[in-house]
PDB file of all heavy atoms in Angstrom:
ATOM      1  N   LYS A   1      96.005  42.111 -40.708  1.00  0.00           N
ATOM      2  CA  LYS A   1      97.030  41.273 -41.325  1.00  0.00           C
ATOM      3  C   LYS A   1      96.641  40.958 -42.762  1.00  0.00           C
ATOM      4  O   LYS A   1      95.465  40.990 -43.125  1.00  0.00           O
ATOM      5  CB  LYS A   1      97.218  39.974 -40.538  1.00  0.00           C
ATOM      6  CG  LYS A   1      97.736  40.163 -39.122  1.00  0.00           C
ATOM      7  CD  LYS A   1      97.917  38.828 -38.415  1.00  0.00           C
ATOM      8  CE  LYS A   1      98.436  39.009 -36.997  1.00  0.00           C
ATOM      9  NZ  LYS A   1      98.613  37.711 -36.302  1.00  0.00           N
ATOM     10  N   VAL A   2      97.630  40.640 -43.563  1.00  0.00           N
ATOM     11  CA  VAL A   2      97.382  40.312 -44.963  1.00  0.00           C
ATOM     12  C   VAL A   2      98.241  39.126 -45.361  1.00  0.00           C
ATOM     13  O   VAL A   2      99.382  38.988 -44.911  1.00  0.00           O
ATOM     14  CB  VAL A   2      97.659  41.526 -45.881  1.00  0.00           C
ATOM     15  CG1 VAL A   2      99.132  41.906 -45.856  1.00  0.00           C
ATOM     16  CG2 VAL A   2      97.187  41.265 -47.303  1.00  0.00           C
ATOM     17  N   ASP A   3      97.661  38.267 -46.182  1.00  0.00           N
ATOM     18  CA  ASP A   3      98.365  37.101 -46.708  1.00  0.00           C
ATOM     19  C   ASP A   3      98.937  37.474 -48.078  1.00  0.00           C
ATOM     20  O   ASP A   3      98.206  37.964 -48.943  1.00  0.00           O
ATOM     21  CB  ASP A   3      97.389  35.924 -46.834  1.00  0.00           C
ATOM     22  CG  ASP A   3      98.088  34.647 -47.267  1.00  0.00           C
ATOM     23  OD1 ASP A   3      98.312  34.462 -48.473  1.00  0.00           O
ATOM     24  OD2 ASP A   3      98.390  33.831 -46.383  1.00  0.00           O
ATOM     25  N   VAL A   4     100.232  37.267 -48.266  1.00  0.00           N
ATOM     26  CA  VAL A   4     100.913  37.675 -49.494  1.00  0.00           C
ATOM     27  C   VAL A   4     101.455  36.442 -50.207  1.00  0.00           C
ATOM     28  O   VAL A   4     102.101  35.594 -49.583  1.00  0.00           O
ATOM     29  CB  VAL A   4     102.073  38.649 -49.192  1.00  0.00           C
ATOM     30  CG1 VAL A   4     102.712  39.129 -50.493  1.00  0.00           C
ATOM     31  CG2 VAL A   4     101.577  39.830 -48.366  1.00  0.00           C
ATOM     32  N   GLN A   5     101.187  36.354 -51.505  1.00  0.00           N
ATOM     33  CA  GLN A   5     101.728  35.271 -52.318  1.00  0.00           C
ATOM     34  C   GLN A   5     102.440  35.866 -53.523  1.00  0.00           C
ATOM     35  O   GLN A   5     101.867  36.662 -54.269  1.00  0.00           O
ATOM     36  CB  GLN A   5     100.619  34.319 -52.773  1.00  0.00           C
ATOM     37  CG  GLN A   5     101.161  33.114 -53.550  1.00  0.00           C
ATOM     38  CD  GLN A   5     100.093  32.097 -53.884  1.00  0.00           C
ATOM     39  OE1 GLN A   5      98.901  32.371 -53.739  1.00  0.00           O
ATOM     40  NE2 GLN A   5     100.494  30.924 -54.323  1.00  0.00           N
ATOM     41  N   LEU A   6     103.692  35.481 -53.705  1.00  0.00           N
ATOM     42  CA  LEU A   6     104.498  35.961 -54.823  1.00  0.00           C
ATOM     43  C   LEU A   6     104.397  34.975 -55.974  1.00  0.00           C
ATOM     44  O   LEU A   6     104.678  33.789 -55.810  1.00  0.00           O
ATOM     45  CB  LEU A   6     105.961  36.123 -54.391  1.00  0.00           C
ATOM     46  CG  LEU A   6     106.211  36.981 -53.145  1.00  0.00           C
ATOM     47  CD1 LEU A   6     107.681  36.941 -52.761  1.00  0.00           C
ATOM     48  CD2 LEU A   6     105.752  38.417 -53.375  1.00  0.00           C
ATOM     49  N   THR A   7     103.983  35.453 -57.135  1.00  0.00           N
ATOM     50  CA  THR A   7     103.892  34.603 -58.316  1.00  0.00           C
ATOM     51  C   THR A   7     104.661  35.258 -59.454  1.00  0.00           C
ATOM     52  O   THR A   7     105.082  36.416 -59.362  1.00  0.00           O
ATOM     53  CB  THR A   7     102.425  34.388 -58.747  1.00  0.00           C
ATOM     54  OG1 THR A   7     101.903  35.611 -59.303  1.00  0.00           O
ATOM     55  CG2 THR A   7     101.566  33.972 -57.560  1.00  0.00           C
ATOM     56  N   HIS A   8     104.830  34.520 -60.531  1.00  0.00           N
ATOM     57  CA  HIS A   8     105.548  35.069 -61.682  1.00  0.00           C
ATOM     58  C   HIS A   8     104.700  36.088 -62.449  1.00  0.00           C
ATOM     59  O   HIS A   8     105.256  36.876 -63.227  1.00  0.00           O
ATOM     60  CB  HIS A   8     105.972  33.929 -62.620  1.00  0.00           C
ATOM     61  CG  HIS A   8     107.034  33.040 -62.045  1.00  0.00           C
ATOM     62  ND1 HIS A   8     108.374  33.382 -62.029  1.00  0.00           N
ATOM     63  CD2 HIS A   8     106.957  31.820 -61.451  1.00  0.00           C
ATOM     64  CE1 HIS A   8     109.079  32.416 -61.453  1.00  0.00           C
ATOM     65  NE2 HIS A   8     108.239  31.445 -61.100  1.00  0.00           N
ATOM     66  N   ASP A   9     103.401  36.085 -62.217  1.00  0.00           N
ATOM     67  CA  ASP A   9     102.522  37.031 -62.909  1.00  0.00           C
ATOM     68  C   ASP A   9     102.269  38.293 -62.103  1.00  0.00           C
ATOM     69  O   ASP A   9     101.833  39.307 -62.658  1.00  0.00           O
ATOM     70  CB  ASP A   9     101.176  36.365 -63.233  1.00  0.00           C
ATOM     71  CG  ASP A   9     101.337  35.191 -64.184  1.00  0.00           C
ATOM     72  OD1 ASP A   9     102.205  35.276 -65.076  1.00  0.00           O
ATOM     73  OD2 ASP A   9     100.595  34.203 -64.042  1.00  0.00           O
ATOM     74  N   GLY A  10     102.508  38.240 -60.803  1.00  0.00           N
ATOM     75  CA  GLY A  10     102.248  39.396 -59.955  1.00  0.00           C
ATOM     76  C   GLY A  10     102.180  39.000 -58.490  1.00  0.00           C
ATOM     77  O   GLY A  10     102.509  37.869 -58.111  1.00  0.00           O
ATOM     78  N   ILE A  11     101.748  39.938 -57.650  1.00  0.00           N
ATOM     79  CA  ILE A  11     101.662  39.722 -56.203  1.00  0.00           C
ATOM     80  C   ILE A  11     100.186  39.653 -55.816  1.00  0.00           C
ATOM     81  O   ILE A  11      99.394  40.528 -56.172  1.00  0.00           O
ATOM     82  CB  ILE A  11     102.344  40.849 -55.416  1.00  0.00           C
ATOM     83  CG1 ILE A  11     103.724  41.168 -56.012  1.00  0.00           C
ATOM     84  CG2 ILE A  11     102.484  40.474 -53.951  1.00  0.00           C
ATOM     85  CD1 ILE A  11     104.390  42.357 -55.358  1.00  0.00           C
ATOM     86  N   ARG A  12      99.831  38.620 -55.055  1.00  0.00           N
ATOM     87  CA  ARG A  12      98.459  38.443 -54.599  1.00  0.00           C
ATOM     88  C   ARG A  12      98.366  38.762 -53.115  1.00  0.00           C
ATOM     89  O   ARG A  12      99.043  38.145 -52.294  1.00  0.00           O
ATOM     90  CB  ARG A  12      97.991  37.004 -54.849  1.00  0.00           C
ATOM     91  CG  ARG A  12      96.544  36.724 -54.479  1.00  0.00           C
ATOM     92  CD  ARG A  12      96.222  35.263 -54.748  1.00  0.00           C
ATOM     93  NE  ARG A  12      94.812  34.959 -54.513  1.00  0.00           N
ATOM     94  CZ  ARG A  12      94.311  34.576 -53.349  1.00  0.00           C
ATOM     95  NH1 ARG A  12      95.117  34.463 -52.296  1.00  0.00           N
ATOM     96  NH2 ARG A  12      93.018  34.308 -53.226  1.00  0.00           N
ATOM     97  N   PHE A  13      97.538  39.748 -52.760  1.00  0.00           N
ATOM     98  CA  PHE A  13      97.296  40.128 -51.376  1.00  0.00           C
ATOM     99  C   PHE A  13      95.883  39.697 -51.007  1.00  0.00           C
ATOM    100  O   PHE A  13      94.923  40.033 -51.704  1.00  0.00           O
ATOM    101  CB  PHE A  13      97.439  41.638 -51.186  1.00  0.00           C
ATOM    102  CG  PHE A  13      98.845  42.158 -51.358  1.00  0.00           C
ATOM    103  CD1 PHE A  13      99.333  42.464 -52.619  1.00  0.00           C
ATOM    104  CD2 PHE A  13      99.672  42.344 -50.253  1.00  0.00           C
ATOM    105  CE1 PHE A  13     100.620  42.956 -52.779  1.00  0.00           C
ATOM    106  CE2 PHE A  13     100.957  42.829 -50.408  1.00  0.00           C
ATOM    107  CZ  PHE A  13     101.437  43.133 -51.675  1.00  0.00           C
ATOM    108  N   ALA A  14      95.735  38.975 -49.897  1.00  0.00           N
ATOM    109  CA  ALA A  14      94.431  38.488 -49.457  1.00  0.00           C
ATOM    110  C   ALA A  14      94.218  38.844 -47.991  1.00  0.00           C
ATOM    111  O   ALA A  14      95.048  38.521 -47.138  1.00  0.00           O
ATOM    112  CB  ALA A  14      94.309  36.977 -49.658  1.00  0.00           C
ATOM    113  N   ALA A  15      93.103  39.537 -47.711  1.00  0.00           N
ATOM    114  CA  ALA A  15      92.726  39.891 -46.341  1.00  0.00           C
ATOM    115  C   ALA A  15      91.487  39.100 -45.957  1.00  0.00           C
ATOM    116  O   ALA A  15      90.600  38.873 -46.785  1.00  0.00           O
ATOM    117  CB  ALA A  15      92.463  41.391 -46.225  1.00  0.00           C
ATOM    118  N   ASP A  16      91.422  38.696 -44.695  1.00  0.00           N
ATOM    119  CA  ASP A  16      90.333  37.841 -44.234  1.00  0.00           C
ATOM    120  C   ASP A  16      89.739  38.395 -42.945  1.00  0.00           C
ATOM    121  O   ASP A  16      90.464  38.924 -42.090  1.00  0.00           O
ATOM    122  CB  ASP A  16      90.852  36.416 -43.998  1.00  0.00           C
ATOM    123  CG  ASP A  16      89.768  35.470 -43.510  1.00  0.00           C
ATOM    124  OD1 ASP A  16      89.566  35.390 -42.283  1.00  0.00           O
ATOM    125  OD2 ASP A  16      89.133  34.824 -44.354  1.00  0.00           O
ATOM    126  N   HIS A  17      88.399  38.293 -42.823  1.00  0.00           N
ATOM    127  CA  HIS A  17      87.719  38.726 -41.605  1.00  0.00           C
ATOM    128  C   HIS A  17      86.872  37.573 -41.075  1.00  0.00           C
ATOM    129  O   HIS A  17      85.779  37.299 -41.595  1.00  0.00           O
ATOM    130  CB  HIS A  17      86.827  39.941 -41.872  1.00  0.00           C
ATOM    131  CG  HIS A  17      86.066  40.419 -40.668  1.00  0.00           C
ATOM    132  ND1 HIS A  17      86.652  41.145 -39.657  1.00  0.00           N
ATOM    133  CD2 HIS A  17      84.766  40.255 -40.306  1.00  0.00           C
ATOM    134  CE1 HIS A  17      85.753  41.414 -38.731  1.00  0.00           C
ATOM    135  NE2 HIS A  17      84.595  40.883 -39.103  1.00  0.00           N
ATOM    136  N   SER A  18      87.401  36.883 -40.063  1.00  0.00           N
ATOM    137  CA  SER A  18      86.672  35.826 -39.345  1.00  0.00           C
ATOM    138  C   SER A  18      86.102  34.754 -40.275  1.00  0.00           C
ATOM    139  O   SER A  18      85.075  34.144 -39.965  1.00  0.00           O
ATOM    140  CB  SER A  18      85.549  36.436 -38.503  1.00  0.00           C
ATOM    141  OG  SER A  18      86.051  37.393 -37.593  1.00  0.00           O
ATOM    142  N   ARG A  19      86.718  34.550 -41.412  1.00  0.00           N
ATOM    143  CA  ARG A  19      86.290  33.518 -42.361  1.00  0.00           C
ATOM    144  C   ARG A  19      84.900  33.754 -42.932  1.00  0.00           C
ATOM    145  O   ARG A  19      84.278  32.829 -43.465  1.00  0.00           O
ATOM    146  CB  ARG A  19      86.358  32.130 -41.730  1.00  0.00           C
ATOM    147  CG  ARG A  19      87.745  31.723 -41.261  1.00  0.00           C
ATOM    148  CD  ARG A  19      88.758  31.717 -42.372  1.00  0.00           C
ATOM    149  NE  ARG A  19      88.433  30.743 -43.404  1.00  0.00           N
ATOM    150  CZ  ARG A  19      88.872  30.804 -44.660  1.00  0.00           C
ATOM    151  NH1 ARG A  19      89.606  31.829 -45.056  1.00  0.00           N
ATOM    152  NH2 ARG A  19      88.546  29.871 -45.516  1.00  0.00           N
ATOM    153  N   VAL A  20      84.376  34.976 -42.812  1.00  0.00           N
ATOM    154  CA  VAL A  20      83.076  35.290 -43.404  1.00  0.00           C
ATOM    155  C   VAL A  20      83.213  36.344 -44.503  1.00  0.00           C
ATOM    156  O   VAL A  20      82.271  36.596 -45.250  1.00  0.00           O
ATOM    157  CB  VAL A  20      82.058  35.768 -42.349  1.00  0.00           C
ATOM    158  CG1 VAL A  20      81.755  34.657 -41.366  1.00  0.00           C
ATOM    159  CG2 VAL A  20      82.558  37.010 -41.626  1.00  0.00           C
ATOM    160  N   MET A  21      84.381  36.960 -44.613  1.00  0.00           N
ATOM    161  CA  MET A  21      84.639  37.953 -45.656  1.00  0.00           C
ATOM    162  C   MET A  21      86.091  37.864 -46.062  1.00  0.00           C
ATOM    163  O   MET A  21      86.983  37.694 -45.230  1.00  0.00           O
ATOM    164  CB  MET A  21      84.316  39.361 -45.170  1.00  0.00           C
ATOM    165  CG  MET A  21      84.679  40.455 -46.163  1.00  0.00           C
ATOM    166  SD  MET A  21      84.414  42.110 -45.483  1.00  0.00           S
ATOM    167  CE  MET A  21      84.950  43.121 -46.879  1.00  0.00           C
ATOM    168  N   GLN A  22      86.332  37.967 -47.358  1.00  0.00           N
ATOM    169  CA  GLN A  22      87.692  37.932 -47.885  1.00  0.00           C
ATOM    170  C   GLN A  22      87.827  38.941 -49.016  1.00  0.00           C
ATOM    171  O   GLN A  22      86.929  39.079 -49.858  1.00  0.00           O
ATOM    172  CB  GLN A  22      88.031  36.535 -48.398  1.00  0.00           C
ATOM    173  CG  GLN A  22      89.468  36.385 -48.904  1.00  0.00           C
ATOM    174  CD  GLN A  22      89.738  35.000 -49.464  1.00  0.00           C
ATOM    175  OE1 GLN A  22      88.973  34.480 -50.253  1.00  0.00           O
ATOM    176  NE2 GLN A  22      90.833  34.389 -49.030  1.00  0.00           N
ATOM    177  N   GLY A  23      88.931  39.668 -48.991  1.00  0.00           N
ATOM    178  CA  GLY A  23      89.227  40.620 -50.057  1.00  0.00           C
ATOM    179  C   GLY A  23      90.575  40.292 -50.669  1.00  0.00           C
ATOM    180  O   GLY A  23      91.550  40.065 -49.948  1.00  0.00           O
ATOM    181  N   VAL A  24      90.639  40.254 -51.993  1.00  0.00           N
ATOM    182  CA  VAL A  24      91.868  39.905 -52.703  1.00  0.00           C
ATOM    183  C   VAL A  24      92.207  41.014 -53.694  1.00  0.00           C
ATOM    184  O   VAL A  24      91.358  41.429 -54.492  1.00  0.00           O
ATOM    185  CB  VAL A  24      91.731  38.563 -53.456  1.00  0.00           C
ATOM    186  CG1 VAL A  24      92.993  38.273 -54.259  1.00  0.00           C
ATOM    187  CG2 VAL A  24      91.449  37.423 -52.479  1.00  0.00           C
ATOM    188  N   ALA A  25      93.445  41.487 -53.626  1.00  0.00           N
ATOM    189  CA  ALA A  25      93.957  42.467 -54.582  1.00  0.00           C
ATOM    190  C   ALA A  25      95.153  41.844 -55.289  1.00  0.00           C
ATOM    191  O   ALA A  25      96.102  41.410 -54.628  1.00  0.00           O
ATOM    192  CB  ALA A  25      94.367  43.761 -53.882  1.00  0.00           C
ATOM    193  N   PHE A  26      95.102  41.811 -56.605  1.00  0.00           N
ATOM    194  CA  PHE A  26      96.204  41.235 -57.380  1.00  0.00           C
ATOM    195  C   PHE A  26      96.938  42.359 -58.096  1.00  0.00           C
ATOM    196  O   PHE A  26      96.349  43.087 -58.920  1.00  0.00           O
ATOM    197  CB  PHE A  26      95.685  40.217 -58.391  1.00  0.00           C
ATOM    198  CG  PHE A  26      96.784  39.495 -59.132  1.00  0.00           C
ATOM    199  CD1 PHE A  26      97.495  38.467 -58.519  1.00  0.00           C
ATOM    200  CD2 PHE A  26      97.119  39.852 -60.426  1.00  0.00           C
ATOM    201  CE1 PHE A  26      98.512  37.810 -59.184  1.00  0.00           C
ATOM    202  CE2 PHE A  26      98.133  39.208 -61.103  1.00  0.00           C
ATOM    203  CZ  PHE A  26      98.828  38.183 -60.479  1.00  0.00           C
TER     204      PHE A  26
END
């Protein structure tokens, strides 16, 4: 699953693994 946030500057995608690892692509 991925968390998506829409902003005026771009789209932020955030992936999480058991709260010990997080990856963010903007």
